[in-house]
Amino acid sequence: EPLAPLAAYGLVLTDPLPMVGTYHRSG
């Protein structure tokens, strides 16, 4: 759930390693 706030956003800003995002939500 990459869009869920807030903690993963730090990884997005620094881009420190390969990332796989799994999106679970509907709506």
PDB file of all heavy atoms in Angstrom:
ATOM      1  N   GLU A   1       0.835  -1.212   0.000  1.00  0.00           N
ATOM      2  CA  GLU A   1       0.000   0.000   0.000  1.00  0.00           C
ATOM      3  C   GLU A   1       0.867   1.259   0.000  1.00  0.00           C
ATOM      4  O   GLU A   1       0.896   2.028   0.975  1.00  0.00           O
ATOM      5  CB  GLU A   1      -0.933  -0.005   1.210  1.00  0.00           C
ATOM      6  CG  GLU A   1      -2.249   0.702   0.969  1.00  0.00           C
ATOM      7  CD  GLU A   1      -3.116  -0.042  -0.048  1.00  0.00           C
ATOM      8  OE1 GLU A   1      -2.885   0.153  -1.250  1.00  0.00           O
ATOM      9  OE2 GLU A   1      -4.004  -0.801   0.347  1.00  0.00           O
ATOM     10  N   PRO A   2       1.597   1.528  -1.086  1.00  0.00           N
ATOM     11  CA  PRO A   2       2.544   2.650  -1.109  1.00  0.00           C
ATOM     12  C   PRO A   2       1.915   4.017  -0.852  1.00  0.00           C
ATOM     13  O   PRO A   2       2.601   4.918  -0.377  1.00  0.00           O
ATOM     14  CB  PRO A   2       3.129   2.582  -2.529  1.00  0.00           C
ATOM     15  CG  PRO A   2       2.954   1.162  -2.951  1.00  0.00           C
ATOM     16  CD  PRO A   2       1.665   0.726  -2.329  1.00  0.00           C
ATOM     17  N   LEU A   3       0.627   4.177  -1.165  1.00  0.00           N
ATOM     18  CA  LEU A   3      -0.003   5.485  -0.976  1.00  0.00           C
ATOM     19  C   LEU A   3      -0.406   5.750   0.470  1.00  0.00           C
ATOM     20  O   LEU A   3      -0.734   6.879   0.828  1.00  0.00           O
ATOM     21  CB  LEU A   3      -1.248   5.599  -1.867  1.00  0.00           C
ATOM     22  CG  LEU A   3      -1.000   5.576  -3.380  1.00  0.00           C
ATOM     23  CD1 LEU A   3      -2.323   5.702  -4.120  1.00  0.00           C
ATOM     24  CD2 LEU A   3      -0.051   6.673  -3.788  1.00  0.00           C
ATOM     25  N   ALA A   4      -0.400   4.720   1.307  1.00  0.00           N
ATOM     26  CA  ALA A   4      -0.832   4.904   2.692  1.00  0.00           C
ATOM     27  C   ALA A   4       0.139   5.821   3.423  1.00  0.00           C
ATOM     28  O   ALA A   4       1.355   5.657   3.321  1.00  0.00           O
ATOM     29  CB  ALA A   4      -0.920   3.555   3.399  1.00  0.00           C
ATOM     30  N   PRO A   5      -0.375   6.813   4.153  1.00  0.00           N
ATOM     31  CA  PRO A   5       0.527   7.695   4.900  1.00  0.00           C
ATOM     32  C   PRO A   5       1.125   6.933   6.081  1.00  0.00           C
ATOM     33  O   PRO A   5       0.510   6.011   6.606  1.00  0.00           O
ATOM     34  CB  PRO A   5      -0.404   8.808   5.370  1.00  0.00           C
ATOM     35  CG  PRO A   5      -1.769   8.176   5.434  1.00  0.00           C
ATOM     36  CD  PRO A   5      -1.784   7.147   4.353  1.00  0.00           C
ATOM     37  N   LEU A   6       2.313   7.280   6.452  1.00  0.00           N
ATOM     38  CA  LEU A   6       3.152   8.360   5.989  1.00  0.00           C
ATOM     39  C   LEU A   6       4.570   7.842   5.812  1.00  0.00           C
ATOM     40  O   LEU A   6       5.385   8.438   5.138  1.00  0.00           O
ATOM     41  CB  LEU A   6       3.111   9.504   7.024  1.00  0.00           C
ATOM     42  CG  LEU A   6       3.828  10.807   6.756  1.00  0.00           C
ATOM     43  CD1 LEU A   6       3.242  11.503   5.547  1.00  0.00           C
ATOM     44  CD2 LEU A   6       3.725  11.697   7.984  1.00  0.00           C
ATOM     45  N   ALA A   7       4.839   6.707   6.474  1.00  0.00           N
ATOM     46  CA  ALA A   7       6.224   6.293   6.679  1.00  0.00           C
ATOM     47  C   ALA A   7       6.953   5.939   5.389  1.00  0.00           C
ATOM     48  O   ALA A   7       8.151   6.172   5.262  1.00  0.00           O
ATOM     49  CB  ALA A   7       6.270   5.113   7.641  1.00  0.00           C
ATOM     50  N   ALA A   8       6.264   5.354   4.405  1.00  0.00           N
ATOM     51  CA  ALA A   8       6.961   4.939   3.188  1.00  0.00           C
ATOM     52  C   ALA A   8       7.419   6.130   2.356  1.00  0.00           C
ATOM     53  O   ALA A   8       8.273   5.974   1.477  1.00  0.00           O
ATOM     54  CB  ALA A   8       6.049   4.047   2.345  1.00  0.00           C
ATOM     55  N   TYR A   9       6.901   7.316   2.629  1.00  0.00           N
ATOM     56  CA  TYR A   9       7.248   8.469   1.805  1.00  0.00           C
ATOM     57  C   TYR A   9       8.721   8.859   1.954  1.00  0.00           C
ATOM     58  O   TYR A   9       9.305   9.433   1.040  1.00  0.00           O
ATOM     59  CB  TYR A   9       6.358   9.660   2.158  1.00  0.00           C
ATOM     60  CG  TYR A   9       4.907   9.468   1.769  1.00  0.00           C
ATOM     61  CD1 TYR A   9       4.461   8.288   1.186  1.00  0.00           C
ATOM     62  CD2 TYR A   9       3.979  10.464   1.993  1.00  0.00           C
ATOM     63  CE1 TYR A   9       3.140   8.103   0.847  1.00  0.00           C
ATOM     64  CE2 TYR A   9       2.643  10.297   1.642  1.00  0.00           C
ATOM     65  CZ  TYR A   9       2.235   9.109   1.070  1.00  0.00           C
ATOM     66  OH  TYR A   9       0.916   8.937   0.727  1.00  0.00           O
ATOM     67  N   GLY A  10       9.316   8.537   3.083  1.00  0.00           N
ATOM     68  CA  GLY A  10      10.743   8.797   3.244  1.00  0.00           C
ATOM     69  C   GLY A  10      11.566   7.987   2.263  1.00  0.00           C
ATOM     70  O   GLY A  10      12.555   8.465   1.700  1.00  0.00           O
ATOM     71  N   LEU A  11      11.159   6.746   2.018  1.00  0.00           N
ATOM     72  CA  LEU A  11      11.855   5.911   1.044  1.00  0.00           C
ATOM     73  C   LEU A  11      11.691   6.464  -0.357  1.00  0.00           C
ATOM     74  O   LEU A  11      12.612   6.401  -1.179  1.00  0.00           O
ATOM     75  CB  LEU A  11      11.307   4.476   1.104  1.00  0.00           C
ATOM     76  CG  LEU A  11      11.428   3.731   2.434  1.00  0.00           C
ATOM     77  CD1 LEU A  11      10.808   2.355   2.314  1.00  0.00           C
ATOM     78  CD2 LEU A  11      12.877   3.622   2.855  1.00  0.00           C
ATOM     79  N   VAL A  12      10.525   7.013  -0.636  1.00  0.00           N
ATOM     80  CA  VAL A  12      10.268   7.575  -1.959  1.00  0.00           C
ATOM     81  C   VAL A  12      11.175   8.777  -2.221  1.00  0.00           C
ATOM     82  O   VAL A  12      11.693   8.970  -3.319  1.00  0.00           O
ATOM     83  CB  VAL A  12       8.782   7.966  -2.081  1.00  0.00           C
ATOM     84  CG1 VAL A  12       8.540   8.761  -3.353  1.00  0.00           C
ATOM     85  CG2 VAL A  12       7.905   6.724  -2.052  1.00  0.00           C
ATOM     86  N   LEU A  13      11.399   9.586  -1.207  1.00  0.00           N
ATOM     87  CA  LEU A  13      12.204  10.795  -1.383  1.00  0.00           C
ATOM     88  C   LEU A  13      13.684  10.487  -1.560  1.00  0.00           C
ATOM     89  O   LEU A  13      14.384  11.142  -2.330  1.00  0.00           O
ATOM     90  CB  LEU A  13      11.992  11.729  -0.193  1.00  0.00           C
ATOM     91  CG  LEU A  13      10.569  12.314  -0.056  1.00  0.00           C
ATOM     92  CD1 LEU A  13      10.451  13.115   1.227  1.00  0.00           C
ATOM     93  CD2 LEU A  13      10.210  13.171  -1.259  1.00  0.00           C
ATOM     94  N   THR A  14      14.186   9.478  -0.845  1.00  0.00           N
ATOM     95  CA  THR A  14      15.622   9.179  -0.937  1.00  0.00           C
ATOM     96  C   THR A  14      15.943   8.092  -1.945  1.00  0.00           C
ATOM     97  O   THR A  14      17.087   8.001  -2.391  1.00  0.00           O
ATOM     98  CB  THR A  14      16.161   8.759   0.441  1.00  0.00           C
ATOM     99  OG1 THR A  14      15.463   7.580   0.891  1.00  0.00           O
ATOM    100  CG2 THR A  14      15.985   9.869   1.463  1.00  0.00           C
ATOM    101  N   ASP A  15      14.944   7.257  -2.282  1.00  0.00           N
ATOM    102  CA  ASP A  15      15.134   6.211  -3.291  1.00  0.00           C
ATOM    103  C   ASP A  15      16.373   5.374  -3.002  1.00  0.00           C
ATOM    104  O   ASP A  15      17.264   5.228  -3.848  1.00  0.00           O
ATOM    105  CB  ASP A  15      15.241   6.868  -4.678  1.00  0.00           C
ATOM    106  CG  ASP A  15      15.050   5.861  -5.812  1.00  0.00           C
ATOM    107  OD1 ASP A  15      14.483   4.781  -5.569  1.00  0.00           O
ATOM    108  OD2 ASP A  15      15.480   6.164  -6.938  1.00  0.00           O
ATOM    109  N   PRO A  16      16.463   4.744  -1.799  1.00  0.00           N
ATOM    110  CA  PRO A  16      17.724   4.112  -1.394  1.00  0.00           C
ATOM    111  C   PRO A  16      17.979   2.733  -1.979  1.00  0.00           C
ATOM    112  O   PRO A  16      19.117   2.260  -1.947  1.00  0.00           O
ATOM    113  CB  PRO A  16      17.570   4.025   0.126  1.00  0.00           C
ATOM    114  CG  PRO A  16      16.096   3.865   0.334  1.00  0.00           C
ATOM    115  CD  PRO A  16      15.440   4.674  -0.744  1.00  0.00           C
ATOM    116  N   LEU A  17      16.973   2.047  -2.498  1.00  0.00           N
ATOM    117  CA  LEU A  17      17.175   0.683  -2.981  1.00  0.00           C
ATOM    118  C   LEU A  17      16.015   0.296  -3.879  1.00  0.00           C
ATOM    119  O   LEU A  17      15.004   0.997  -3.948  1.00  0.00           O
ATOM    120  CB  LEU A  17      17.323  -0.300  -1.815  1.00  0.00           C
ATOM    121  CG  LEU A  17      16.113  -0.704  -1.001  1.00  0.00           C
ATOM    122  CD1 LEU A  17      16.477  -1.850  -0.069  1.00  0.00           C
ATOM    123  CD2 LEU A  17      15.536   0.432  -0.200  1.00  0.00           C
ATOM    124  N   PRO A  18      16.118  -0.810  -4.603  1.00  0.00           N
ATOM    125  CA  PRO A  18      15.014  -1.245  -5.462  1.00  0.00           C
ATOM    126  C   PRO A  18      13.727  -1.410  -4.655  1.00  0.00           C
ATOM    127  O   PRO A  18      13.754  -1.932  -3.532  1.00  0.00           O
ATOM    128  CB  PRO A  18      15.496  -2.585  -6.018  1.00  0.00           C
ATOM    129  CG  PRO A  18      16.974  -2.531  -5.918  1.00  0.00           C
ATOM    130  CD  PRO A  18      17.278  -1.727  -4.697  1.00  0.00           C
ATOM    131  N   MET A  19      12.600  -0.987  -5.236  1.00  0.00           N
ATOM    132  CA  MET A  19      11.336  -1.028  -4.506  1.00  0.00           C
ATOM    133  C   MET A  19      10.233  -1.653  -5.351  1.00  0.00           C
ATOM    134  O   MET A  19      10.089  -1.332  -6.533  1.00  0.00           O
ATOM    135  CB  MET A  19      10.925   0.368  -4.058  1.00  0.00           C
ATOM    136  CG  MET A  19      11.761   0.909  -2.909  1.00  0.00           C
ATOM    137  SD  MET A  19      11.156   2.479  -2.258  1.00  0.00           S
ATOM    138  CE  MET A  19      11.806   3.614  -3.495  1.00  0.00           C
ATOM    139  N   VAL A  20       9.473  -2.521  -4.720  1.00  0.00           N
ATOM    140  CA  VAL A  20       8.272  -3.110  -5.299  1.00  0.00           C
ATOM    141  C   VAL A  20       7.084  -2.577  -4.508  1.00  0.00           C
ATOM    142  O   VAL A  20       7.087  -2.609  -3.275  1.00  0.00           O
ATOM    143  CB  VAL A  20       8.311  -4.656  -5.226  1.00  0.00           C
ATOM    144  CG1 VAL A  20       6.970  -5.244  -5.645  1.00  0.00           C
ATOM    145  CG2 VAL A  20       9.439  -5.188  -6.089  1.00  0.00           C
ATOM    146  N   GLY A  21       6.091  -2.062  -5.198  1.00  0.00           N
ATOM    147  CA  GLY A  21       4.898  -1.569  -4.532  1.00  0.00           C
ATOM    148  C   GLY A  21       3.713  -2.460  -4.827  1.00  0.00           C
ATOM    149  O   GLY A  21       3.419  -2.750  -5.994  1.00  0.00           O
ATOM    150  N   THR A  22       3.029  -2.943  -3.783  1.00  0.00           N
ATOM    151  CA  THR A  22       1.806  -3.714  -3.957  1.00  0.00           C
ATOM    152  C   THR A  22       0.619  -2.865  -3.524  1.00  0.00           C
ATOM    153  O   THR A  22       0.538  -2.455  -2.367  1.00  0.00           O
ATOM    154  CB  THR A  22       1.851  -5.029  -3.157  1.00  0.00           C
ATOM    155  OG1 THR A  22       2.887  -5.863  -3.681  1.00  0.00           O
ATOM    156  CG2 THR A  22       0.529  -5.772  -3.280  1.00  0.00           C
ATOM    157  N   TYR A  23      -0.282  -2.621  -4.449  1.00  0.00           N
ATOM    158  CA  TYR A  23      -1.461  -1.794  -4.220  1.00  0.00           C
ATOM    159  C   TYR A  23      -2.643  -2.714  -3.910  1.00  0.00           C
ATOM    160  O   TYR A  23      -3.016  -3.557  -4.725  1.00  0.00           O
ATOM    161  CB  TYR A  23      -1.763  -0.936  -5.444  1.00  0.00           C
ATOM    162  CG  TYR A  23      -0.729   0.143  -5.717  1.00  0.00           C
ATOM    163  CD1 TYR A  23       0.579  -0.177  -6.093  1.00  0.00           C
ATOM    164  CD2 TYR A  23      -1.065   1.484  -5.598  1.00  0.00           C
ATOM    165  CE1 TYR A  23       1.525   0.804  -6.333  1.00  0.00           C
ATOM    166  CE2 TYR A  23      -0.118   2.486  -5.842  1.00  0.00           C
ATOM    167  CZ  TYR A  23       1.175   2.129  -6.220  1.00  0.00           C
ATOM    168  OH  TYR A  23       2.108   3.106  -6.465  1.00  0.00           O
ATOM    169  N   HIS A  24      -3.236  -2.533  -2.735  1.00  0.00           N
ATOM    170  CA  HIS A  24      -4.314  -3.399  -2.272  1.00  0.00           C
ATOM    171  C   HIS A  24      -5.692  -2.755  -2.363  1.00  0.00           C
ATOM    172  O   HIS A  24      -6.688  -3.452  -2.523  1.00  0.00           O
ATOM    173  CB  HIS A  24      -4.088  -3.787  -0.800  1.00  0.00           C
ATOM    174  CG  HIS A  24      -2.896  -4.645  -0.561  1.00  0.00           C
ATOM    175  ND1 HIS A  24      -2.964  -6.015  -0.452  1.00  0.00           N
ATOM    176  CD2 HIS A  24      -1.578  -4.328  -0.391  1.00  0.00           C
ATOM    177  CE1 HIS A  24      -1.763  -6.517  -0.225  1.00  0.00           C
ATOM    178  NE2 HIS A  24      -0.902  -5.506  -0.182  1.00  0.00           N
ATOM    179  N   ARG A  25      -5.763  -1.457  -2.233  1.00  0.00           N
ATOM    180  CA  ARG A  25      -7.043  -0.805  -2.005  1.00  0.00           C
ATOM    181  C   ARG A  25      -7.888  -0.742  -3.268  1.00  0.00           C
ATOM    182  O   ARG A  25      -7.389  -0.680  -4.389  1.00  0.00           O
ATOM    183  CB  ARG A  25      -6.840   0.603  -1.445  1.00  0.00           C
ATOM    184  CG  ARG A  25      -6.216   1.567  -2.413  1.00  0.00           C
ATOM    185  CD  ARG A  25      -5.936   2.925  -1.774  1.00  0.00           C
ATOM    186  NE  ARG A  25      -7.116   3.589  -1.286  1.00  0.00           N
ATOM    187  CZ  ARG A  25      -7.344   3.868  -0.012  1.00  0.00           C
ATOM    188  NH1 ARG A  25      -6.463   3.548   0.911  1.00  0.00           N
ATOM    189  NH2 ARG A  25      -8.435   4.485   0.345  1.00  0.00           N
ATOM    190  N   SER A  26      -9.205  -0.731  -3.046  1.00  0.00           N
ATOM    191  CA  SER A  26     -10.181  -0.527  -4.112  1.00  0.00           C
ATOM    192  C   SER A  26     -10.952   0.736  -3.787  1.00  0.00           C
ATOM    193  O   SER A  26     -11.636   0.811  -2.764  1.00  0.00           O
ATOM    194  CB  SER A  26     -11.135  -1.724  -4.206  1.00  0.00           C
ATOM    195  OG  SER A  26     -12.185  -1.464  -5.111  1.00  0.00           O
ATOM    196  N   GLY A  27     -10.826   1.757  -4.623  1.00  0.00           N
ATOM    197  CA  GLY A  27     -11.504   3.030  -4.373  1.00  0.00           C
ATOM    198  C   GLY A  27     -10.551   4.062  -3.813  1.00  0.00           C
ATOM    199  O   GLY A  27      -9.702   3.762  -2.971  1.00  0.00           O
TER     200      GLY A  27
END
